[in-house]
C-alpha atoms as a PDB file:
ATOM      1  CA  MET A   1      18.545  -7.232 -26.683  1.00  0.00           C
ATOM      2  CA  LYS A   2      21.857  -8.491 -25.463  1.00  0.00           C
ATOM      3  CA  SER A   3      22.099 -12.016 -24.897  1.00  0.00           C
ATOM      4  CA  SER A   4      24.879 -14.481 -24.440  1.00  0.00           C
ATOM      5  CA  PRO A   5      23.728 -18.133 -24.065  1.00  0.00           C
ATOM      6  CA  LYS A   6      25.916 -20.877 -23.815  1.00  0.00           C
ATOM      7  CA  GLY A   7      25.521 -24.689 -23.902  1.00  0.00           C
ATOM      8  CA  SER A   8      23.540 -26.975 -25.589  1.00  0.00           C
ATOM      9  CA  VAL A   9      19.522 -26.206 -26.336  1.00  0.00           C
ATOM     10  CA  GLY A  10      17.461 -27.329 -23.132  1.00  0.00           C
ATOM     11  CA  THR A  11      20.884 -28.144 -21.157  1.00  0.00           C
ATOM     12  CA  LYS A  12      21.299 -26.142 -18.183  1.00  0.00           C
ATOM     13  CA  ALA A  13      24.881 -24.992 -16.545  1.00  0.00           C
ATOM     14  CA  SER A  14      27.172 -27.582 -15.430  1.00  0.00           C
ATOM     15  CA  ALA A  15      26.788 -27.782 -11.503  1.00  0.00           C
ATOM     16  CA  ASP A  16      30.456 -27.176 -11.223  1.00  0.00           C
ATOM     17  CA  GLY A  17      30.261 -23.827 -12.889  1.00  0.00           C
ATOM     18  CA  PRO A  18      29.193 -20.482 -12.319  1.00  0.00           C
ATOM     19  CA  LYS A  19      25.188 -20.552 -12.264  1.00  0.00           C
ATOM     20  CA  ARG A  20      24.150 -18.456 -15.285  1.00  0.00           C
ATOM     21  CA  ILE A  21      21.050 -15.557 -14.864  1.00  0.00           C
ATOM     22  CA  MET A  22      19.165 -14.234 -17.234  1.00  0.00           C
ATOM     23  CA  LEU A  23      17.910 -10.375 -16.643  1.00  0.00           C
ATOM     24  CA  VAL A  24      14.503  -9.874 -17.868  1.00  0.00           C
ATOM     25  CA  ASP A  25      13.977  -5.967 -17.283  1.00  0.00           C
ATOM     26  CA  ASP A  26      13.158  -3.288 -19.728  1.00  0.00           C
ATOM     27  CA  HIS A  27      15.152  -0.878 -17.771  1.00  0.00           C
ATOM     28  CA  PRO A  28      18.327  -0.847 -19.093  1.00  0.00           C
ATOM     29  CA  LEU A  29      20.039   0.871 -16.299  1.00  0.00           C
ATOM     30  CA  VAL A  30      18.873  -1.937 -13.900  1.00  0.00           C
ATOM     31  CA  THR A  31      20.136  -4.297 -16.110  1.00  0.00           C
ATOM     32  CA  GLU A  32      23.303  -3.051 -16.742  1.00  0.00           C
ATOM     33  CA  GLY A  33      23.838  -2.829 -13.161  1.00  0.00           C
ATOM     34  CA  VAL A  34      22.830  -6.052 -11.651  1.00  0.00           C
ATOM     35  CA  ALA A  35      25.133  -7.008 -14.587  1.00  0.00           C
ATOM     36  CA  ALA A  36      27.527  -5.323 -13.415  1.00  0.00           C
ATOM     37  CA  LEU A  37      27.398  -6.911 -10.107  1.00  0.00           C
ATOM     38  CA  ILE A  38      27.354 -10.412 -11.377  1.00  0.00           C
ATOM     39  CA  ARG A  39      30.266 -10.096 -13.322  1.00  0.00           C
ATOM     40  CA  VAL A  40      32.510  -9.193 -10.649  1.00  0.00           C
ATOM     41  CA  THR A  41      31.435 -12.540  -8.687  1.00  0.00           C
ATOM     42  CA  THR A  42      33.066 -15.988  -9.320  1.00  0.00           C
ATOM     43  CA  ASP A  43      29.762 -18.207  -9.198  1.00  0.00           C
ATOM     44  CA  LEU A  44      27.656 -16.506 -11.148  1.00  0.00           C
ATOM     45  CA  GLN A  45      27.056 -15.385 -14.801  1.00  0.00           C
ATOM     46  CA  VAL A  46      25.137 -13.562 -16.977  1.00  0.00           C
ATOM     47  CA  PHE A  47      23.367 -15.494 -19.148  1.00  0.00           C
ATOM     48  CA  ALA A  48      21.362 -13.323 -21.220  1.00  0.00           C
ATOM     49  CA  GLU A  49      19.689  -9.830 -21.110  1.00  0.00           C
ATOM     50  CA  VAL A  50      16.598  -9.228 -22.679  1.00  0.00           C
ATOM     51  CA  GLY A  51      13.374  -6.480 -22.361  1.00  0.00           C
ATOM     52  CA  SER A  52      10.266  -8.289 -23.372  1.00  0.00           C
ATOM     53  CA  ALA A  53       8.350 -11.663 -22.305  1.00  0.00           C
ATOM     54  CA  GLU A  54       8.787 -12.259 -26.045  1.00  0.00           C
ATOM     55  CA  GLU A  55      12.475 -11.974 -26.425  1.00  0.00           C
ATOM     56  CA  ALA A  56      12.942 -13.820 -22.838  1.00  0.00           C
ATOM     57  CA  LEU A  57      10.540 -17.014 -24.364  1.00  0.00           C
ATOM     58  CA  LYS A  58      12.377 -17.049 -27.879  1.00  0.00           C
ATOM     59  CA  VAL A  59      16.564 -17.338 -25.868  1.00  0.00           C
ATOM     60  CA  LEU A  60      14.522 -19.937 -23.633  1.00  0.00           C
ATOM     61  CA  GLU A  61      13.267 -22.013 -26.139  1.00  0.00           C
ATOM     62  CA  LYS A  62      17.203 -22.609 -27.310  1.00  0.00           C
ATOM     63  CA  ASP A  63      18.656 -22.317 -23.995  1.00  0.00           C
ATOM     64  CA  VAL A  64      18.091 -22.250 -20.264  1.00  0.00           C
ATOM     65  CA  PRO A  65      19.539 -20.336 -17.435  1.00  0.00           C
ATOM     66  CA  ASP A  66      20.048 -21.801 -14.187  1.00  0.00           C
ATOM     67  CA  LEU A  67      17.788 -18.359 -12.625  1.00  0.00           C
ATOM     68  CA  MET A  68      15.647 -16.117 -14.327  1.00  0.00           C
ATOM     69  CA  LEU A  69      15.728 -12.438 -12.391  1.00  0.00           C
ATOM     70  CA  LEU A  70      12.162 -10.865 -13.634  1.00  0.00           C
ATOM     71  CA  ASP A  71      10.724  -7.582 -13.639  1.00  0.00           C
ATOM     72  CA  ILE A  72       6.650  -7.411 -13.300  1.00  0.00           C
ATOM     73  CA  SER A  73       6.559  -4.183 -15.483  1.00  0.00           C
ATOM     74  CA  LEU A  74       7.325  -5.294 -18.832  1.00  0.00           C
ATOM     75  CA  PRO A  75       5.762  -3.903 -22.561  1.00  0.00           C
ATOM     76  CA  GLY A  76       3.070  -6.317 -23.974  1.00  0.00           C
ATOM     77  CA  VAL A  77       3.045  -9.607 -21.668  1.00  0.00           C
ATOM     78  CA  ASN A  78       3.269  -8.558 -18.167  1.00  0.00           C
ATOM     79  CA  GLY A  79       6.210 -10.618 -15.709  1.00  0.00           C
ATOM     80  CA  ILE A  80       3.319 -12.369 -13.982  1.00  0.00           C
ATOM     81  CA  GLU A  81       2.036 -13.848 -17.239  1.00  0.00           C
ATOM     82  CA  LEU A  82       5.729 -14.846 -18.236  1.00  0.00           C
ATOM     83  CA  LEU A  83       6.229 -16.308 -14.561  1.00  0.00           C
ATOM     84  CA  LYS A  84       3.148 -18.395 -15.168  1.00  0.00           C
ATOM     85  CA  ASP A  85       3.983 -19.743 -18.720  1.00  0.00           C
ATOM     86  CA  VAL A  86       7.907 -19.931 -17.795  1.00  0.00           C
ATOM     87  CA  ARG A  87       6.621 -22.379 -14.734  1.00  0.00           C
ATOM     88  CA  VAL A  88       5.044 -24.633 -17.355  1.00  0.00           C
ATOM     89  CA  ARG A  89       7.313 -24.535 -20.453  1.00  0.00           C
ATOM     90  CA  PHE A  90      10.712 -24.636 -18.483  1.00  0.00           C
ATOM     91  CA  PRO A  91       9.645 -25.980 -15.104  1.00  0.00           C
ATOM     92  CA  ASP A  92      13.558 -26.387 -13.275  1.00  0.00           C
ATOM     93  CA  ILE A  93      14.410 -22.532 -13.882  1.00  0.00           C
ATOM     94  CA  TYR A  94      14.654 -20.824 -10.931  1.00  0.00           C
ATOM     95  CA  VAL A  95      12.758 -17.276 -10.834  1.00  0.00           C
ATOM     96  CA  LEU A  96      13.332 -14.379  -8.675  1.00  0.00           C
ATOM     97  CA  VAL A  97      11.226 -11.417  -9.149  1.00  0.00           C
ATOM     98  CA  LEU A  98      13.124  -7.977  -8.968  1.00  0.00           C
ATOM     99  CA  SER A  99      10.359  -5.234  -8.659  1.00  0.00           C
ATOM    100  CA  MET A 100       9.573  -1.415  -7.992  1.00  0.00           C
ATOM    101  CA  HIS A 101       6.158  -2.272  -7.273  1.00  0.00           C
ATOM    102  CA  GLU A 102       5.357  -2.996  -3.055  1.00  0.00           C
ATOM    103  CA  GLU A 103       5.239  -6.179  -2.174  1.00  0.00           C
ATOM    104  CA  GLY A 104       1.770  -6.288  -0.332  1.00  0.00           C
ATOM    105  CA  VAL A 105       0.307  -6.056  -4.143  1.00  0.00           C
ATOM    106  CA  TYR A 106       2.507  -8.210  -6.118  1.00  0.00           C
ATOM    107  CA  ALA A 107       4.849 -10.090  -4.283  1.00  0.00           C
ATOM    108  CA  GLU A 108       1.773 -13.068  -3.049  1.00  0.00           C
ATOM    109  CA  ARG A 109       0.727 -13.136  -6.802  1.00  0.00           C
ATOM    110  CA  ALA A 110       3.977 -13.393  -7.756  1.00  0.00           C
ATOM    111  CA  LEU A 111       4.671 -16.416  -5.657  1.00  0.00           C
ATOM    112  CA  ARG A 112       1.508 -18.215  -6.266  1.00  0.00           C
ATOM    113  CA  ALA A 113       2.465 -17.664 -10.071  1.00  0.00           C
ATOM    114  CA  GLY A 114       5.386 -19.988  -9.111  1.00  0.00           C
ATOM    115  CA  ALA A 115       8.516 -17.267  -8.156  1.00  0.00           C
ATOM    116  CA  HIS A 116      11.255 -18.528  -5.706  1.00  0.00           C
ATOM    117  CA  GLY A 117      11.509 -14.848  -4.250  1.00  0.00           C
ATOM    118  CA  TYR A 118      10.240 -11.458  -4.272  1.00  0.00           C
ATOM    119  CA  ILE A 119      12.650  -8.479  -3.609  1.00  0.00           C
ATOM    120  CA  MET A 120      12.350  -4.835  -4.357  1.00  0.00           C
ATOM    121  CA  LYS A 121      14.480  -2.539  -6.969  1.00  0.00           C
ATOM    122  CA  MET A 122      15.263  -0.333  -4.034  1.00  0.00           C
ATOM    123  CA  GLU A 123      17.557  -2.857  -2.133  1.00  0.00           C
ATOM    124  CA  PRO A 124      21.080  -2.644  -2.182  1.00  0.00           C
ATOM    125  CA  GLY A 125      22.749  -4.565  -5.236  1.00  0.00           C
ATOM    126  CA  LEU A 126      24.139  -6.474  -2.933  1.00  0.00           C
ATOM    127  CA  LYS A 127      21.252  -7.594  -1.188  1.00  0.00           C
ATOM    128  CA  VAL A 128      20.370  -8.439  -4.782  1.00  0.00           C
ATOM    129  CA  VAL A 129      23.053 -10.957  -5.308  1.00  0.00           C
ATOM    130  CA  GLU A 130      22.577 -12.617  -2.024  1.00  0.00           C
ATOM    131  CA  ALA A 131      19.084 -13.128  -2.718  1.00  0.00           C
ATOM    132  CA  ILE A 132      20.224 -14.676  -6.199  1.00  0.00           C
ATOM    133  CA  ARG A 133      22.211 -16.874  -4.332  1.00  0.00           C
ATOM    134  CA  GLN A 134      19.670 -18.013  -1.924  1.00  0.00           C
ATOM    135  CA  VAL A 135      17.331 -18.975  -4.275  1.00  0.00           C
ATOM    136  CA  LEU A 136      20.008 -21.128  -6.226  1.00  0.00           C
ATOM    137  CA  ARG A 137      20.239 -22.749  -2.918  1.00  0.00           C
ATOM    138  CA  GLY A 138      16.458 -23.846  -3.534  1.00  0.00           C
ATOM    139  CA  GLU A 139      15.492 -21.542  -0.505  1.00  0.00           C
ATOM    140  CA  LEU A 140      12.436 -19.049  -1.052  1.00  0.00           C
ATOM    141  CA  TYR A 141      13.719 -15.356  -0.873  1.00  0.00           C
ATOM    142  CA  VAL A 142      11.083 -12.861   0.586  1.00  0.00           C
ATOM    143  CA  SER A 143      12.166  -9.771   2.988  1.00  0.00           C
ATOM    144  CA  PRO A 144      11.376 -10.100   6.865  1.00  0.00           C
ATOM    145  CA  THR A 145       8.337  -7.842   6.521  1.00  0.00           C
ATOM    146  CA  LEU A 146       6.593 -10.185   4.038  1.00  0.00           C
ATOM    147  CA  ALA A 147       7.463 -12.911   5.611  1.00  0.00           C
ATOM    148  CA  ALA A 148       5.516 -12.016   8.734  1.00  0.00           C
ATOM    149  CA  ARG A 149       2.773 -11.123   6.987  1.00  0.00           C
ATOM    150  CA  MET A 150       2.493 -14.114   4.959  1.00  0.00           C
ATOM    151  CA  LEU A 151       2.782 -15.859   8.445  1.00  0.00           C
ATOM    152  CA  LYS A 152      -0.117 -13.969   9.775  1.00  0.00           C
ATOM    153  CA  LEU A 153      -2.611 -14.740   7.136  1.00  0.00           C
ATOM    154  CA  PHE A 154      -1.563 -18.360   7.355  1.00  0.00           C
ATOM    155  CA  VAL A 155      -2.850 -18.287  11.017  1.00  0.00           C
ATOM    156  CA  SER A 156      -5.969 -16.376  10.613  1.00  0.00           C
ATOM    157  CA  ASN A 157      -6.770 -18.697   7.043  1.00  0.00           C
ATOM    158  CA  LYS A 158     -10.170 -19.879   8.935  1.00  0.00           C
ATOM    159  CA  PRO A 159     -13.698 -18.946   8.033  1.00  0.00           C
ATOM    160  CA  GLY A 160     -14.246 -15.171   8.965  1.00  0.00           C
ATOM    161  CA  GLY A 161     -10.116 -14.346   9.185  1.00  0.00           C
ATOM    162  CA  ASP A 162      -9.526 -13.068   5.853  1.00  0.00           C
ATOM    163  CA  THR A 163      -7.477  -9.733   6.361  1.00  0.00           C
ATOM    164  CA  ARG A 164      -6.740  -9.060   2.663  1.00  0.00           C
ATOM    165  CA  THR A 165      -7.351  -5.639   1.842  1.00  0.00           C
ATOM    166  CA  SER A 166      -9.595  -5.177  -1.499  1.00  0.00           C
ATOM    167  CA  MET A 167      -6.455  -4.667  -3.721  1.00  0.00           C
ATOM    168  CA  GLU A 168      -5.124  -8.117  -3.028  1.00  0.00           C
ATOM    169  CA  LYS A 169      -8.309  -9.750  -3.188  1.00  0.00           C
ATOM    170  CA  LEU A 170      -8.208  -8.881  -7.104  1.00  0.00           C
ATOM    171  CA  SER A 171      -7.479 -11.878  -9.285  1.00  0.00           C
ATOM    172  CA  ASP A 172      -4.128 -11.008 -11.492  1.00  0.00           C
ATOM    173  CA  ARG A 173      -6.534 -10.591 -14.518  1.00  0.00           C
ATOM    174  CA  GLU A 174      -8.855  -7.913 -12.469  1.00  0.00           C
ATOM    175  CA  LEU A 175      -5.749  -6.361 -11.721  1.00  0.00           C
ATOM    176  CA  GLN A 176      -4.397  -6.064 -14.946  1.00  0.00           C
ATOM    177  CA  VAL A 177      -7.484  -4.271 -16.045  1.00  0.00           C
ATOM    178  CA  TYR A 178      -7.907  -2.293 -12.836  1.00  0.00           C
ATOM    179  CA  THR A 179      -4.075  -1.008 -14.132  1.00  0.00           C
ATOM    180  CA  GLN A 180      -5.228  -0.257 -17.303  1.00  0.00           C
ATOM    181  CA  ILE A 181      -8.659   1.725 -16.432  1.00  0.00           C
ATOM    182  CA  GLY A 182      -5.914   3.918 -14.173  1.00  0.00           C
ATOM    183  CA  ASN A 183      -3.429   4.322 -17.281  1.00  0.00           C
ATOM    184  CA  GLY A 184      -6.491   6.073 -18.729  1.00  0.00           C
ATOM    185  CA  ARG A 185      -7.204   2.956 -21.220  1.00  0.00           C
ATOM    186  CA  SER A 186     -10.830   2.400 -22.598  1.00  0.00           C
ATOM    187  CA  THR A 187     -12.696  -1.044 -22.318  1.00  0.00           C
ATOM    188  CA  ARG A 188     -12.227  -1.932 -25.830  1.00  0.00           C
ATOM    189  CA  ASP A 189      -8.249  -0.758 -25.437  1.00  0.00           C
ATOM    190  CA  ILE A 190      -8.012  -2.960 -22.878  1.00  0.00           C
ATOM    191  CA  ALA A 191      -9.488  -5.931 -24.549  1.00  0.00           C
ATOM    192  CA  VAL A 192      -7.511  -5.531 -27.556  1.00  0.00           C
ATOM    193  CA  GLU A 193      -4.269  -5.149 -25.026  1.00  0.00           C
ATOM    194  CA  LEU A 194      -5.082  -8.332 -23.250  1.00  0.00           C
ATOM    195  CA  GLY A 195      -6.590 -10.573 -25.834  1.00  0.00           C
ATOM    196  CA  LEU A 196     -10.029 -10.274 -24.568  1.00  0.00           C
ATOM    197  CA  SER A 197     -13.442  -9.377 -25.789  1.00  0.00           C
ATOM    198  CA  VAL A 198     -15.115  -6.684 -24.298  1.00  0.00           C
ATOM    199  CA  LYS A 199     -17.918  -8.441 -22.641  1.00  0.00           C
ATOM    200  CA  THR A 200     -15.331 -10.241 -20.649  1.00  0.00           C
ATOM    201  CA  VAL A 201     -13.264  -6.823 -19.771  1.00  0.00           C
ATOM    202  CA  GLN A 202     -16.997  -5.332 -18.815  1.00  0.00           C
ATOM    203  CA  THR A 203     -17.084  -8.445 -16.545  1.00  0.00           C
ATOM    204  CA  TYR A 204     -13.835  -7.488 -14.711  1.00  0.00           C
ATOM    205  CA  ARG A 205     -14.597  -3.960 -14.402  1.00  0.00           C
ATOM    206  CA  GLU A 206     -18.277  -5.263 -12.747  1.00  0.00           C
ATOM    207  CA  HIS A 207     -15.794  -7.593 -10.053  1.00  0.00           C
ATOM    208  CA  ILE A 208     -13.626  -4.568  -9.169  1.00  0.00           C
ATOM    209  CA  LYS A 209     -16.220  -2.308  -8.583  1.00  0.00           C
ATOM    210  CA  ARG A 210     -17.903  -4.919  -6.235  1.00  0.00           C
ATOM    211  CA  LYS A 211     -14.839  -5.270  -4.492  1.00  0.00           C
ATOM    212  CA  PHE A 212     -13.796  -1.760  -3.947  1.00  0.00           C
ATOM    213  CA  ALA A 213     -17.575  -1.132  -3.152  1.00  0.00           C
ATOM    214  CA  LEU A 214     -17.294   1.629  -5.745  1.00  0.00           C
ATOM    215  CA  ARG A 215     -20.694   2.989  -7.377  1.00  0.00           C
ATOM    216  CA  GLY A 216     -20.173   3.483 -10.853  1.00  0.00           C
ATOM    217  CA  ALA A 217     -17.550   3.920 -13.905  1.00  0.00           C
ATOM    218  CA  ALA A 218     -16.306   7.503 -13.149  1.00  0.00           C
ATOM    219  CA  GLU A 219     -15.762   6.262  -9.314  1.00  0.00           C
ATOM    220  CA  LEU A 220     -14.019   3.179 -11.162  1.00  0.00           C
ATOM    221  CA  VAL A 221     -11.466   5.464 -12.897  1.00  0.00           C
ATOM    222  CA  TYR A 222     -10.697   7.941 -10.232  1.00  0.00           C
ATOM    223  CA  HIS A 223     -10.172   5.310  -7.914  1.00  0.00           C
ATOM    224  CA  ALA A 224      -7.984   3.511 -10.274  1.00  0.00           C
ATOM    225  CA  THR A 225      -6.019   6.832 -11.782  1.00  0.00           C
ATOM    226  CA  GLN A 226      -5.320   7.732  -8.382  1.00  0.00           C
ATOM    227  CA  TRP A 227      -3.946   4.284  -7.369  1.00  0.00           C
ATOM    228  CA  VAL A 228      -1.823   4.475 -10.559  1.00  0.00           C
ATOM    229  CA  SER A 229      -0.160   7.564  -9.633  1.00  0.00           C
ATOM    230  CA  SER A 230       0.675   6.637  -6.478  1.00  0.00           C
ATOM    231  CA  GLU A 231       2.327   3.491  -7.794  1.00  0.00           C
ATOM    232  CA  ASN A 232       4.250   5.506 -10.524  1.00  0.00           C
ATOM    233  CA  GLY A 233       5.388   8.359  -7.770  1.00  0.00           C
ATOM    234  CA  SER A 234       6.586   5.123  -5.431  1.00  0.00           C
ATOM    235  CA  SER A 235       8.773   3.907  -8.624  1.00  0.00           C
ATOM    236  CA  LEU A 236      10.265   7.434  -8.786  1.00  0.00           C
ATOM    237  CA  ASN A 237      10.958   7.752  -6.034  1.00  0.00           C
ATOM    238  CA  SER A 238      12.603   4.565  -5.554  1.00  0.00           C
ATOM    239  CA  ALA A 239      14.943   5.246  -8.980  1.00  0.00           C
ATOM    240  CA  LEU A 240      15.779   8.385  -7.431  1.00  0.00           C
ATOM    241  CA  ASP A 241      16.853   6.864  -4.008  1.00  0.00           C
END
């Protein structure tokens, strides 16, 4: 972990000085690239660079930045769960999610959890910096595509007007379980990883099967594995672009 928190514990940077940005991502190439862009600006500065939710909370307990740039895929506690915790414990911090995951699955979840914006890692670095500045101005940042989609959902939010896909209807916890299934984890392993009982994980599995209209455990595993594989493929393509 690299960190350089400044100022007294629990305080924010002066309104007159550069805004302090905390980078939470377990991919060094991403944090190094974003940090390099921030360091050549005059209005922003790198507050800390950490690779897990646990490290992020340790830093935040000593001092808080103006904005957290947060990845969803973190080891252990994922970014969505960290986001929910941060919103309760450190409500003054702006949070911009920077993710390799498609907007359709994760963006609305992040916004519901309290994020002030969502931007894909495939976007140019300068666009990420501008998204940071926009959120720091108190504005919500989403792509034009996501903004149009959210407006459409809002307009159709009436009885019989739910246009969400089966994936979007999964709760955050169901999506976690579904992803773990796709990664080849057993029910018991998932229970340990997420701090749940085996019975609770089994209940989530049943909810997922019902939402996808899947007929059994084997079909669930296949469905989840195919989705995780496609997600990983998209992530690799984004990294190579």
